[in-house]
Amino acid sequence: MREGTSLRRSAGSPTAAEAADPAEGSSGRSSARVIAALETLTRSEEGLGLAELSLAVGAPKSSLLGILRSLVALGYLAHSHGLYRLGPRSFRLAADMLAVRRFPTLVRPVLQDLHARTQETVFLVQLDEVARRSTYVEGIDSPNPIGYTVPTGTTRPLYVSAGGLMLLAFQDPPFIDAYLRSVPLDPLTPRTITDVNKLRQRLQTIRRENFAVSLGETVPGAAGLAAPIFNADGTVTAGLLIAAPIERFEKRLPEFKRLLREATSLVSGITQGPALERSTAPQTRPAARRRGRRVATAGN
């Protein structure tokens, strides 16, 4: 069984500058000083002068001055009357970080409704752009005696699974081109598409239809349907996924498409606030609730 799948039958810290490893050299020290300066200024409403920051960060004024000037130029700090304060980009970064943390909580009522109407396993999947994988950040299991489940925090390659294919299809062409050039398309099952040209055609179809369907391409017997959640700027970094055994899935596919379209439309309305930024690390959420006696393996 593949890594991450499960067969189940139910019955006062230091500052960044202080924590920096001297072995990292000047680059490591500079990075630590950037973080230390920002941390220090979050605790000062009035702002601090160069001398005060130098003492708080533990860095010579001559070394720190260049860092502070760069942060001002980038908008992360503001400088006036000899004092440094947090700048507008720092507040934007903080807001975006909070939006990413809150996103699964905001989506969960929609996910619960989709679960109730389908009686199948449902997931919120999100793009990890750095690892170039899809991450299952939230999920609710099917109450059926036999169903599929994926532990929260599990990641999948983008070229397989309904969620991964959907996320890949809605990325910019340069991202897709770089991904397909660098990632080996290893078959996970006999149904996995490993031909680059066929995969490109499939991504075009997914983008045109706003749905990705996977039938036994990641795990034999498992099927999935995924649809995108659109951010305010039109980008896609997350989506909703329905997973079920192929036999049940194929009989209800038209119904699943209708319900998933309604659900993603609602969630896209939520994201018309601060856009959900591309994730840089998988989020781990508490495990979804488990109900009933079942055999569960990884879904699509």
C-alpha atoms as a PDB file:
ATOM      1  CA  MET A   1       0.000   0.000   0.000  1.00  0.00           C
ATOM      2  CA  ARG A   2       1.309   3.415  -0.930  1.00  0.00           C
ATOM      3  CA  GLU A   3       2.738   5.814   1.607  1.00  0.00           C
ATOM      4  CA  GLY A   4       0.036   7.951   3.156  1.00  0.00           C
ATOM      5  CA  THR A   5      -2.779   5.480   2.483  1.00  0.00           C
ATOM      6  CA  SER A   6      -4.524   3.571   5.227  1.00  0.00           C
ATOM      7  CA  LEU A   7      -6.456   0.328   5.475  1.00  0.00           C
ATOM      8  CA  ARG A   8      -8.923   0.643   8.316  1.00  0.00           C
ATOM      9  CA  ARG A   9     -11.746  -1.372   9.659  1.00  0.00           C
ATOM     10  CA  SER A  10     -13.390   0.516  12.489  1.00  0.00           C
ATOM     11  CA  ALA A  11     -14.491  -1.197  15.860  1.00  0.00           C
ATOM     12  CA  GLY A  12       9.446  32.683  25.733  1.00  0.00           C
ATOM     13  CA  SER A  13      11.533  31.804  22.639  1.00  0.00           C
ATOM     14  CA  PRO A  14      14.790  33.470  21.345  1.00  0.00           C
ATOM     15  CA  THR A  15      14.739  36.041  18.569  1.00  0.00           C
ATOM     16  CA  ALA A  16      15.586  35.049  15.038  1.00  0.00           C
ATOM     17  CA  ALA A  17      18.969  36.718  15.330  1.00  0.00           C
ATOM     18  CA  GLU A  18      19.786  34.815  18.532  1.00  0.00           C
ATOM     19  CA  ALA A  19      18.685  31.523  16.991  1.00  0.00           C
ATOM     20  CA  ALA A  20      20.734  31.956  13.813  1.00  0.00           C
ATOM     21  CA  ASP A  21      23.422  29.382  13.198  1.00  0.00           C
ATOM     22  CA  PRO A  22      26.810  31.108  12.862  1.00  0.00           C
ATOM     23  CA  ALA A  23      27.807  28.432  10.373  1.00  0.00           C
ATOM     24  CA  GLU A  24      25.293  29.837   7.890  1.00  0.00           C
ATOM     25  CA  GLY A  25      27.581  32.804   7.213  1.00  0.00           C
ATOM     26  CA  SER A  26      26.699  36.382   6.327  1.00  0.00           C
ATOM     27  CA  SER A  27      23.622  35.390   4.318  1.00  0.00           C
ATOM     28  CA  GLY A  28      22.166  33.520   7.270  1.00  0.00           C
ATOM     29  CA  ARG A  29      22.942  36.407   9.638  1.00  0.00           C
ATOM     30  CA  SER A  30      21.316  38.923   7.300  1.00  0.00           C
ATOM     31  CA  SER A  31      18.166  36.816   7.006  1.00  0.00           C
ATOM     32  CA  ALA A  32      18.005  36.434  10.776  1.00  0.00           C
ATOM     33  CA  ARG A  33      18.406  40.185  11.237  1.00  0.00           C
ATOM     34  CA  VAL A  34      15.555  40.889   8.828  1.00  0.00           C
ATOM     35  CA  ILE A  35      13.236  38.666  10.836  1.00  0.00           C
ATOM     36  CA  ALA A  36      14.484  40.010  14.155  1.00  0.00           C
ATOM     37  CA  ALA A  37      13.928  43.607  13.049  1.00  0.00           C
ATOM     38  CA  LEU A  38      10.366  42.844  11.935  1.00  0.00           C
ATOM     39  CA  GLU A  39       9.638  40.952  15.152  1.00  0.00           C
ATOM     40  CA  THR A  40      10.958  43.849  17.222  1.00  0.00           C
ATOM     41  CA  LEU A  41       8.870  46.424  15.381  1.00  0.00           C
ATOM     42  CA  THR A  42       5.672  44.394  15.831  1.00  0.00           C
ATOM     43  CA  ARG A  43       6.037  45.161  19.543  1.00  0.00           C
ATOM     44  CA  SER A  44       6.519  48.899  19.085  1.00  0.00           C
ATOM     45  CA  GLU A  45       3.566  51.096  18.140  1.00  0.00           C
ATOM     46  CA  GLU A  46       5.591  54.299  18.073  1.00  0.00           C
ATOM     47  CA  GLY A  47       8.498  52.947  16.053  1.00  0.00           C
ATOM     48  CA  LEU A  48      12.189  52.669  16.891  1.00  0.00           C
ATOM     49  CA  GLY A  49      15.351  54.464  15.850  1.00  0.00           C
ATOM     50  CA  LEU A  50      18.430  52.845  14.362  1.00  0.00           C
ATOM     51  CA  ALA A  51      20.283  52.747  17.669  1.00  0.00           C
ATOM     52  CA  GLU A  52      17.374  51.094  19.488  1.00  0.00           C
ATOM     53  CA  LEU A  53      16.916  48.523  16.737  1.00  0.00           C
ATOM     54  CA  SER A  54      20.613  47.798  16.691  1.00  0.00           C
ATOM     55  CA  LEU A  55      20.534  47.041  20.403  1.00  0.00           C
ATOM     56  CA  ALA A  56      17.352  44.954  20.192  1.00  0.00           C
ATOM     57  CA  VAL A  57      18.515  42.921  17.195  1.00  0.00           C
ATOM     58  CA  GLY A  58      22.065  42.560  18.380  1.00  0.00           C
ATOM     59  CA  ALA A  59      23.628  43.833  15.173  1.00  0.00           C
ATOM     60  CA  PRO A  60      26.005  46.729  14.435  1.00  0.00           C
ATOM     61  CA  LYS A  61      24.267  49.867  13.197  1.00  0.00           C
ATOM     62  CA  SER A  62      26.387  49.882  10.049  1.00  0.00           C
ATOM     63  CA  SER A  63      25.255  46.343   9.147  1.00  0.00           C
ATOM     64  CA  LEU A  64      21.633  46.880  10.100  1.00  0.00           C
ATOM     65  CA  LEU A  65      21.227  50.156   8.219  1.00  0.00           C
ATOM     66  CA  GLY A  66      21.474  48.508   4.788  1.00  0.00           C
ATOM     67  CA  ILE A  67      18.875  45.910   5.765  1.00  0.00           C
ATOM     68  CA  LEU A  68      16.465  48.549   7.037  1.00  0.00           C
ATOM     69  CA  ARG A  69      16.853  50.643   3.889  1.00  0.00           C
ATOM     70  CA  SER A  70      16.060  47.600   1.735  1.00  0.00           C
ATOM     71  CA  LEU A  71      12.948  46.847   3.789  1.00  0.00           C
ATOM     72  CA  VAL A  72      11.807  50.461   3.437  1.00  0.00           C
ATOM     73  CA  ALA A  73      12.339  50.338  -0.327  1.00  0.00           C
ATOM     74  CA  LEU A  74      10.264  47.157  -0.540  1.00  0.00           C
ATOM     75  CA  GLY A  75       7.473  48.649   1.573  1.00  0.00           C
ATOM     76  CA  TYR A  76       7.843  46.303   4.532  1.00  0.00           C
ATOM     77  CA  LEU A  77       9.011  49.200   6.700  1.00  0.00           C
ATOM     78  CA  ALA A  78       8.273  52.922   6.769  1.00  0.00           C
ATOM     79  CA  HIS A  79      10.840  55.520   7.872  1.00  0.00           C
ATOM     80  CA  SER A  80      10.092  59.050   9.008  1.00  0.00           C
ATOM     81  CA  HIS A  81      11.462  61.463  11.615  1.00  0.00           C
ATOM     82  CA  GLY A  82      14.266  59.038  12.399  1.00  0.00           C
ATOM     83  CA  LEU A  83      11.940  56.186  13.371  1.00  0.00           C
ATOM     84  CA  TYR A  84      11.257  52.872  11.638  1.00  0.00           C
ATOM     85  CA  ARG A  85       7.768  51.370  11.697  1.00  0.00           C
ATOM     86  CA  LEU A  86       6.053  48.459   9.964  1.00  0.00           C
ATOM     87  CA  GLY A  87       5.101  49.395   6.415  1.00  0.00           C
ATOM     88  CA  PRO A  88       1.999  48.599   4.339  1.00  0.00           C
ATOM     89  CA  ARG A  89       3.424  45.406   2.818  1.00  0.00           C
ATOM     90  CA  SER A  90       4.011  43.964   6.279  1.00  0.00           C
ATOM     91  CA  PHE A  91       0.344  44.444   7.124  1.00  0.00           C
ATOM     92  CA  ARG A  92      -0.691  42.972   3.778  1.00  0.00           C
ATOM     93  CA  LEU A  93       1.489  39.944   4.411  1.00  0.00           C
ATOM     94  CA  ALA A  94      -0.027  39.479   7.875  1.00  0.00           C
ATOM     95  CA  ALA A  95      -3.569  39.705   6.471  1.00  0.00           C
ATOM     96  CA  ASP A  96      -2.806  37.179   3.748  1.00  0.00           C
ATOM     97  CA  MET A  97      -1.284  34.762   6.248  1.00  0.00           C
ATOM     98  CA  LEU A  98      -4.389  34.992   8.424  1.00  0.00           C
ATOM     99  CA  ALA A  99      -6.619  34.469   5.379  1.00  0.00           C
ATOM    100  CA  VAL A 100      -4.801  31.248   4.514  1.00  0.00           C
ATOM    101  CA  ARG A 101      -5.142  29.971   8.089  1.00  0.00           C
ATOM    102  CA  ARG A 102      -8.865  30.806   8.229  1.00  0.00           C
ATOM    103  CA  PHE A 103      -9.764  29.513   4.786  1.00  0.00           C
ATOM    104  CA  PRO A 104     -10.497  25.861   5.730  1.00  0.00           C
ATOM    105  CA  THR A 105     -12.686  27.042   8.620  1.00  0.00           C
ATOM    106  CA  LEU A 106     -14.674  29.330   6.323  1.00  0.00           C
ATOM    107  CA  VAL A 107     -15.127  26.568   3.751  1.00  0.00           C
ATOM    108  CA  ARG A 108     -16.126  23.859   6.206  1.00  0.00           C
ATOM    109  CA  PRO A 109     -19.903  24.665   6.288  1.00  0.00           C
ATOM    110  CA  VAL A 110     -20.021  24.333   2.491  1.00  0.00           C
ATOM    111  CA  LEU A 111     -18.031  21.103   2.724  1.00  0.00           C
ATOM    112  CA  GLN A 112     -20.443  19.765   5.344  1.00  0.00           C
ATOM    113  CA  ASP A 113     -23.434  20.562   3.150  1.00  0.00           C
ATOM    114  CA  LEU A 114     -21.801  18.860   0.147  1.00  0.00           C
ATOM    115  CA  HIS A 115     -21.109  15.820   2.321  1.00  0.00           C
ATOM    116  CA  ALA A 116     -24.716  15.675   3.510  1.00  0.00           C
ATOM    117  CA  ARG A 117     -26.080  15.894  -0.031  1.00  0.00           C
ATOM    118  CA  THR A 118     -23.711  13.369  -1.604  1.00  0.00           C
ATOM    119  CA  GLN A 119     -23.183  10.976   1.315  1.00  0.00           C
ATOM    120  CA  GLU A 120     -19.676  10.503  -0.047  1.00  0.00           C
ATOM    121  CA  THR A 121     -16.216  11.554   1.119  1.00  0.00           C
ATOM    122  CA  VAL A 122     -15.508  15.212   0.363  1.00  0.00           C
ATOM    123  CA  PHE A 123     -12.284  17.206   0.555  1.00  0.00           C
ATOM    124  CA  LEU A 124     -10.857  20.688   0.347  1.00  0.00           C
ATOM    125  CA  VAL A 125      -7.638  20.425  -1.667  1.00  0.00           C
ATOM    126  CA  GLN A 126      -5.035  23.155  -1.944  1.00  0.00           C
ATOM    127  CA  LEU A 127      -1.999  23.798  -4.141  1.00  0.00           C
ATOM    128  CA  ASP A 128       1.445  23.597  -2.572  1.00  0.00           C
ATOM    129  CA  GLU A 129       3.299  25.604  -5.209  1.00  0.00           C
ATOM    130  CA  VAL A 130       6.763  25.042  -3.762  1.00  0.00           C
ATOM    131  CA  ALA A 131       6.459  21.240  -3.596  1.00  0.00           C
ATOM    132  CA  ARG A 132       4.250  21.285  -6.709  1.00  0.00           C
ATOM    133  CA  ARG A 133       1.735  18.910  -5.148  1.00  0.00           C
ATOM    134  CA  SER A 134      -1.879  19.009  -4.019  1.00  0.00           C
ATOM    135  CA  THR A 135      -2.618  18.861  -0.296  1.00  0.00           C
ATOM    136  CA  TYR A 136      -5.749  17.524   1.396  1.00  0.00           C
ATOM    137  CA  VAL A 137      -6.308  20.237   4.001  1.00  0.00           C
ATOM    138  CA  GLU A 138      -9.821  19.319   5.130  1.00  0.00           C
ATOM    139  CA  GLY A 139     -12.051  16.272   4.685  1.00  0.00           C
ATOM    140  CA  ILE A 140     -15.251  14.539   5.833  1.00  0.00           C
ATOM    141  CA  ASP A 141     -15.660  10.808   5.320  1.00  0.00           C
ATOM    142  CA  SER A 142     -18.603   9.061   3.693  1.00  0.00           C
ATOM    143  CA  PRO A 143     -21.031   7.316   6.105  1.00  0.00           C
ATOM    144  CA  ASN A 144     -21.346   4.393   3.655  1.00  0.00           C
ATOM    145  CA  PRO A 145     -20.093   0.988   4.897  1.00  0.00           C
ATOM    146  CA  ILE A 146     -17.411   1.023   2.174  1.00  0.00           C
ATOM    147  CA  GLY A 147     -15.727   4.266   1.231  1.00  0.00           C
ATOM    148  CA  TYR A 148     -12.438   5.995   0.625  1.00  0.00           C
ATOM    149  CA  THR A 149     -10.441   8.259   2.863  1.00  0.00           C
ATOM    150  CA  VAL A 150      -7.190  10.210   2.791  1.00  0.00           C
ATOM    151  CA  PRO A 151      -5.526  11.397   6.028  1.00  0.00           C
ATOM    152  CA  THR A 152      -5.572  15.155   6.380  1.00  0.00           C
ATOM    153  CA  GLY A 153      -2.256  16.657   5.316  1.00  0.00           C
ATOM    154  CA  THR A 154      -1.617  13.992   2.671  1.00  0.00           C
ATOM    155  CA  THR A 155      -0.144  15.277  -0.581  1.00  0.00           C
ATOM    156  CA  ARG A 156      -0.497  13.968  -4.130  1.00  0.00           C
ATOM    157  CA  PRO A 157       1.355  14.662  -7.398  1.00  0.00           C
ATOM    158  CA  LEU A 158      -0.433  17.168  -9.613  1.00  0.00           C
ATOM    159  CA  TYR A 159      -0.463  14.908 -12.682  1.00  0.00           C
ATOM    160  CA  VAL A 160      -2.710  12.300 -11.016  1.00  0.00           C
ATOM    161  CA  SER A 161      -5.889  12.430  -8.911  1.00  0.00           C
ATOM    162  CA  ALA A 162      -8.837  14.647  -9.677  1.00  0.00           C
ATOM    163  CA  GLY A 163      -7.689  17.314  -7.219  1.00  0.00           C
ATOM    164  CA  GLY A 164      -4.144  17.476  -8.545  1.00  0.00           C
ATOM    165  CA  LEU A 165      -5.192  17.567 -12.190  1.00  0.00           C
ATOM    166  CA  MET A 166      -7.717  20.313 -11.495  1.00  0.00           C
ATOM    167  CA  LEU A 167      -5.139  22.464  -9.692  1.00  0.00           C
ATOM    168  CA  LEU A 168      -2.544  21.922 -12.420  1.00  0.00           C
ATOM    169  CA  ALA A 169      -4.993  22.740 -15.219  1.00  0.00           C
ATOM    170  CA  PHE A 170      -5.729  26.200 -13.814  1.00  0.00           C
ATOM    171  CA  GLN A 171      -2.127  27.340 -13.327  1.00  0.00           C
ATOM    172  CA  ASP A 172      -0.373  29.748 -15.683  1.00  0.00           C
ATOM    173  CA  PRO A 173       1.183  28.197 -18.821  1.00  0.00           C
ATOM    174  CA  PRO A 174       4.789  28.804 -17.610  1.00  0.00           C
ATOM    175  CA  PHE A 175       4.048  26.870 -14.409  1.00  0.00           C
ATOM    176  CA  ILE A 176       2.492  23.991 -16.359  1.00  0.00           C
ATOM    177  CA  ASP A 177       5.358  23.907 -18.877  1.00  0.00           C
ATOM    178  CA  ALA A 178       8.020  23.881 -16.157  1.00  0.00           C
ATOM    179  CA  TYR A 179       6.136  21.206 -14.230  1.00  0.00           C
ATOM    180  CA  LEU A 180       5.745  18.875 -17.186  1.00  0.00           C
ATOM    181  CA  ARG A 181       9.404  19.295 -18.138  1.00  0.00           C
ATOM    182  CA  SER A 182      10.745  18.447 -14.690  1.00  0.00           C
ATOM    183  CA  VAL A 183       8.363  15.972 -13.047  1.00  0.00           C
ATOM    184  CA  PRO A 184       8.536  12.289 -14.054  1.00  0.00           C
ATOM    185  CA  LEU A 185       5.068  10.964 -14.873  1.00  0.00           C
ATOM    186  CA  ASP A 186       5.367   7.677 -13.020  1.00  0.00           C
ATOM    187  CA  PRO A 187       2.303   5.402 -13.254  1.00  0.00           C
ATOM    188  CA  LEU A 188       0.529   4.843  -9.943  1.00  0.00           C
ATOM    189  CA  THR A 189      -1.959   2.447 -11.568  1.00  0.00           C
ATOM    190  CA  PRO A 190      -2.376   1.083 -15.110  1.00  0.00           C
ATOM    191  CA  ARG A 191      -4.841   3.949 -15.745  1.00  0.00           C
ATOM    192  CA  THR A 192      -2.404   6.769 -14.911  1.00  0.00           C
ATOM    193  CA  ILE A 193      -1.697   9.031 -17.899  1.00  0.00           C
ATOM    194  CA  THR A 194       2.058   9.167 -18.444  1.00  0.00           C
ATOM    195  CA  ASP A 195       2.171  10.670 -21.951  1.00  0.00           C
ATOM    196  CA  VAL A 196       2.884  14.414 -21.818  1.00  0.00           C
ATOM    197  CA  ASN A 197       0.863  15.261 -24.946  1.00  0.00           C
ATOM    198  CA  LYS A 198      -2.182  13.352 -23.710  1.00  0.00           C
ATOM    199  CA  LEU A 199      -1.842  15.022 -20.333  1.00  0.00           C
ATOM    200  CA  ARG A 200      -1.735  18.478 -21.941  1.00  0.00           C
ATOM    201  CA  GLN A 201      -4.925  17.689 -23.868  1.00  0.00           C
ATOM    202  CA  ARG A 202      -6.586  16.553 -20.687  1.00  0.00           C
ATOM    203  CA  LEU A 203      -5.613  19.732 -18.847  1.00  0.00           C
ATOM    204  CA  GLN A 204      -7.195  21.784 -21.645  1.00  0.00           C
ATOM    205  CA  THR A 205     -10.415  19.784 -21.295  1.00  0.00           C
ATOM    206  CA  ILE A 206     -10.465  20.273 -17.535  1.00  0.00           C
ATOM    207  CA  ARG A 207      -9.976  24.016 -17.912  1.00  0.00           C
ATOM    208  CA  ARG A 208     -12.760  24.203 -20.490  1.00  0.00           C
ATOM    209  CA  GLU A 209     -15.253  22.099 -18.490  1.00  0.00           C
ATOM    210  CA  ASN A 210     -14.274  23.310 -14.974  1.00  0.00           C
ATOM    211  CA  PHE A 211     -14.185  19.689 -13.772  1.00  0.00           C
ATOM    212  CA  ALA A 212     -11.511  17.022 -13.377  1.00  0.00           C
ATOM    213  CA  VAL A 213     -12.567  13.367 -13.260  1.00  0.00           C
ATOM    214  CA  SER A 214     -10.273  10.546 -12.167  1.00  0.00           C
ATOM    215  CA  LEU A 215     -11.243   6.873 -12.433  1.00  0.00           C
ATOM    216  CA  GLY A 216      -8.790   4.539 -10.751  1.00  0.00           C
ATOM    217  CA  GLU A 217      -5.748   6.581 -11.780  1.00  0.00           C
ATOM    218  CA  THR A 218      -4.297   7.022  -8.303  1.00  0.00           C
ATOM    219  CA  VAL A 219      -5.716   4.028  -6.424  1.00  0.00           C
ATOM    220  CA  PRO A 220      -7.511   1.106  -8.110  1.00  0.00           C
ATOM    221  CA  GLY A 221     -11.246   1.276  -7.546  1.00  0.00           C
ATOM    222  CA  ALA A 222     -11.260   4.910  -6.385  1.00  0.00           C
ATOM    223  CA  ALA A 223     -12.873   7.712  -8.358  1.00  0.00           C
ATOM    224  CA  GLY A 224     -12.857  11.462  -7.849  1.00  0.00           C
ATOM    225  CA  LEU A 225     -14.449  14.631  -9.175  1.00  0.00           C
ATOM    226  CA  ALA A 226     -12.826  18.015  -8.482  1.00  0.00           C
ATOM    227  CA  ALA A 227     -13.786  21.596  -9.323  1.00  0.00           C
ATOM    228  CA  PRO A 228     -11.853  24.850  -8.834  1.00  0.00           C
ATOM    229  CA  ILE A 229     -12.402  27.624  -6.311  1.00  0.00           C
ATOM    230  CA  PHE A 230     -11.671  30.952  -7.993  1.00  0.00           C
ATOM    231  CA  ASN A 231      -9.889  33.694  -6.085  1.00  0.00           C
ATOM    232  CA  ALA A 232     -10.806  37.358  -6.465  1.00  0.00           C
ATOM    233  CA  ASP A 233      -8.075  37.786  -9.085  1.00  0.00           C
ATOM    234  CA  GLY A 234      -9.225  34.776 -11.119  1.00  0.00           C
ATOM    235  CA  THR A 235      -6.446  32.468  -9.997  1.00  0.00           C
ATOM    236  CA  VAL A 236      -7.030  28.978  -8.595  1.00  0.00           C
ATOM    237  CA  THR A 237      -5.150  27.663  -5.578  1.00  0.00           C
ATOM    238  CA  ALA A 238      -7.797  25.390  -4.075  1.00  0.00           C
ATOM    239  CA  GLY A 239     -10.814  23.306  -4.975  1.00  0.00           C
ATOM    240  CA  LEU A 240     -13.415  20.860  -3.716  1.00  0.00           C
ATOM    241  CA  LEU A 241     -13.307  17.123  -4.348  1.00  0.00           C
ATOM    242  CA  ILE A 242     -15.834  14.275  -4.129  1.00  0.00           C
ATOM    243  CA  ALA A 243     -14.349  10.766  -3.803  1.00  0.00           C
ATOM    244  CA  ALA A 244     -16.173   7.427  -3.972  1.00  0.00           C
ATOM    245  CA  PRO A 245     -15.818   3.843  -5.189  1.00  0.00           C
ATOM    246  CA  ILE A 246     -16.044   3.766  -8.987  1.00  0.00           C
ATOM    247  CA  GLU A 247     -19.294   1.754  -9.004  1.00  0.00           C
ATOM    248  CA  ARG A 248     -21.221   4.357  -6.980  1.00  0.00           C
ATOM    249  CA  PHE A 249     -19.392   7.280  -8.551  1.00  0.00           C
ATOM    250  CA  GLU A 250     -20.218   6.565 -12.199  1.00  0.00           C
ATOM    251  CA  LYS A 251     -23.941   6.147 -11.479  1.00  0.00           C
ATOM    252  CA  ARG A 252     -24.159   9.589  -9.844  1.00  0.00           C
ATOM    253  CA  LEU A 253     -21.597  11.580 -11.840  1.00  0.00           C
ATOM    254  CA  PRO A 254     -24.112  14.074 -13.388  1.00  0.00           C
ATOM    255  CA  GLU A 255     -25.601  14.717  -9.930  1.00  0.00           C
ATOM    256  CA  PHE A 256     -22.136  15.112  -8.390  1.00  0.00           C
ATOM    257  CA  LYS A 257     -21.196  17.675 -11.044  1.00  0.00           C
ATOM    258  CA  ARG A 258     -24.290  19.742 -10.294  1.00  0.00           C
ATOM    259  CA  LEU A 259     -23.724  19.661  -6.524  1.00  0.00           C
ATOM    260  CA  LEU A 260     -20.020  20.393  -6.840  1.00  0.00           C
ATOM    261  CA  ARG A 261     -20.668  23.337  -9.163  1.00  0.00           C
ATOM    262  CA  GLU A 262     -23.066  24.821  -6.606  1.00  0.00           C
ATOM    263  CA  ALA A 263     -20.606  24.286  -3.746  1.00  0.00           C
ATOM    264  CA  THR A 264     -17.590  25.795  -5.489  1.00  0.00           C
ATOM    265  CA  SER A 265     -19.671  28.796  -6.545  1.00  0.00           C
ATOM    266  CA  LEU A 266     -20.473  29.451  -2.896  1.00  0.00           C
ATOM    267  CA  VAL A 267     -16.852  29.087  -1.814  1.00  0.00           C
ATOM    268  CA  SER A 268     -15.631  31.311  -4.638  1.00  0.00           C
ATOM    269  CA  GLY A 269     -17.909  33.959  -3.148  1.00  0.00           C
ATOM    270  CA  ILE A 270     -16.048  33.608   0.153  1.00  0.00           C
ATOM    271  CA  THR A 271     -12.719  34.159  -1.590  1.00  0.00           C
ATOM    272  CA  GLN A 272     -13.819  37.460  -3.078  1.00  0.00           C
ATOM    273  CA  GLY A 273     -12.342  38.973   0.071  1.00  0.00           C
ATOM    274  CA  PRO A 274      -8.556  38.681   0.473  1.00  0.00           C
ATOM    275  CA  ALA A 275      -7.448  36.271  -2.231  1.00  0.00           C
ATOM    276  CA  LEU A 276      -6.240  32.911  -1.047  1.00  0.00           C
ATOM    277  CA  GLU A 277      -2.515  33.044  -1.720  1.00  0.00           C
ATOM    278  CA  ARG A 278      -0.515  30.104  -3.017  1.00  0.00           C
ATOM    279  CA  SER A 279       0.494  27.897  -0.150  1.00  0.00           C
ATOM    280  CA  THR A 280       4.164  27.319   0.572  1.00  0.00           C
ATOM    281  CA  ALA A 281       3.767  24.454   3.012  1.00  0.00           C
ATOM    282  CA  PRO A 282       1.105  21.809   3.578  1.00  0.00           C
ATOM    283  CA  GLN A 283      -1.367  22.659   6.290  1.00  0.00           C
ATOM    284  CA  THR A 284      -2.169  19.956   8.750  1.00  0.00           C
ATOM    285  CA  ARG A 285      -5.675  19.910  10.152  1.00  0.00           C
ATOM    286  CA  PRO A 286      -7.247  17.638  12.748  1.00  0.00           C
ATOM    287  CA  ALA A 287      -8.409  14.349  11.278  1.00  0.00           C
ATOM    288  CA  ALA A 288     -11.901  14.373   9.801  1.00  0.00           C
ATOM    289  CA  ARG A 289     -14.594  12.602  11.757  1.00  0.00           C
ATOM    290  CA  ARG A 290     -15.011   8.863  11.142  1.00  0.00           C
ATOM    291  CA  ARG A 291     -18.355   7.125  11.158  1.00  0.00           C
ATOM    292  CA  GLY A 292     -19.579   3.561  10.578  1.00  0.00           C
ATOM    293  CA  ARG A 293     -17.813   0.295   9.796  1.00  0.00           C
ATOM    294  CA  ARG A 294     -15.872   0.541   6.610  1.00  0.00           C
ATOM    295  CA  VAL A 295     -12.817  -0.391   4.625  1.00  0.00           C
ATOM    296  CA  ALA A 296     -11.010   2.813   3.654  1.00  0.00           C
ATOM    297  CA  THR A 297      -8.090   3.482   1.363  1.00  0.00           C
ATOM    298  CA  ALA A 298      -6.733   6.599  -0.257  1.00  0.00           C
ATOM    299  CA  GLY A 299      -9.175   8.322  -2.512  1.00  0.00           C
ATOM    300  CA  ASN A 300      -8.639  10.436  -5.608  1.00  0.00           C
END
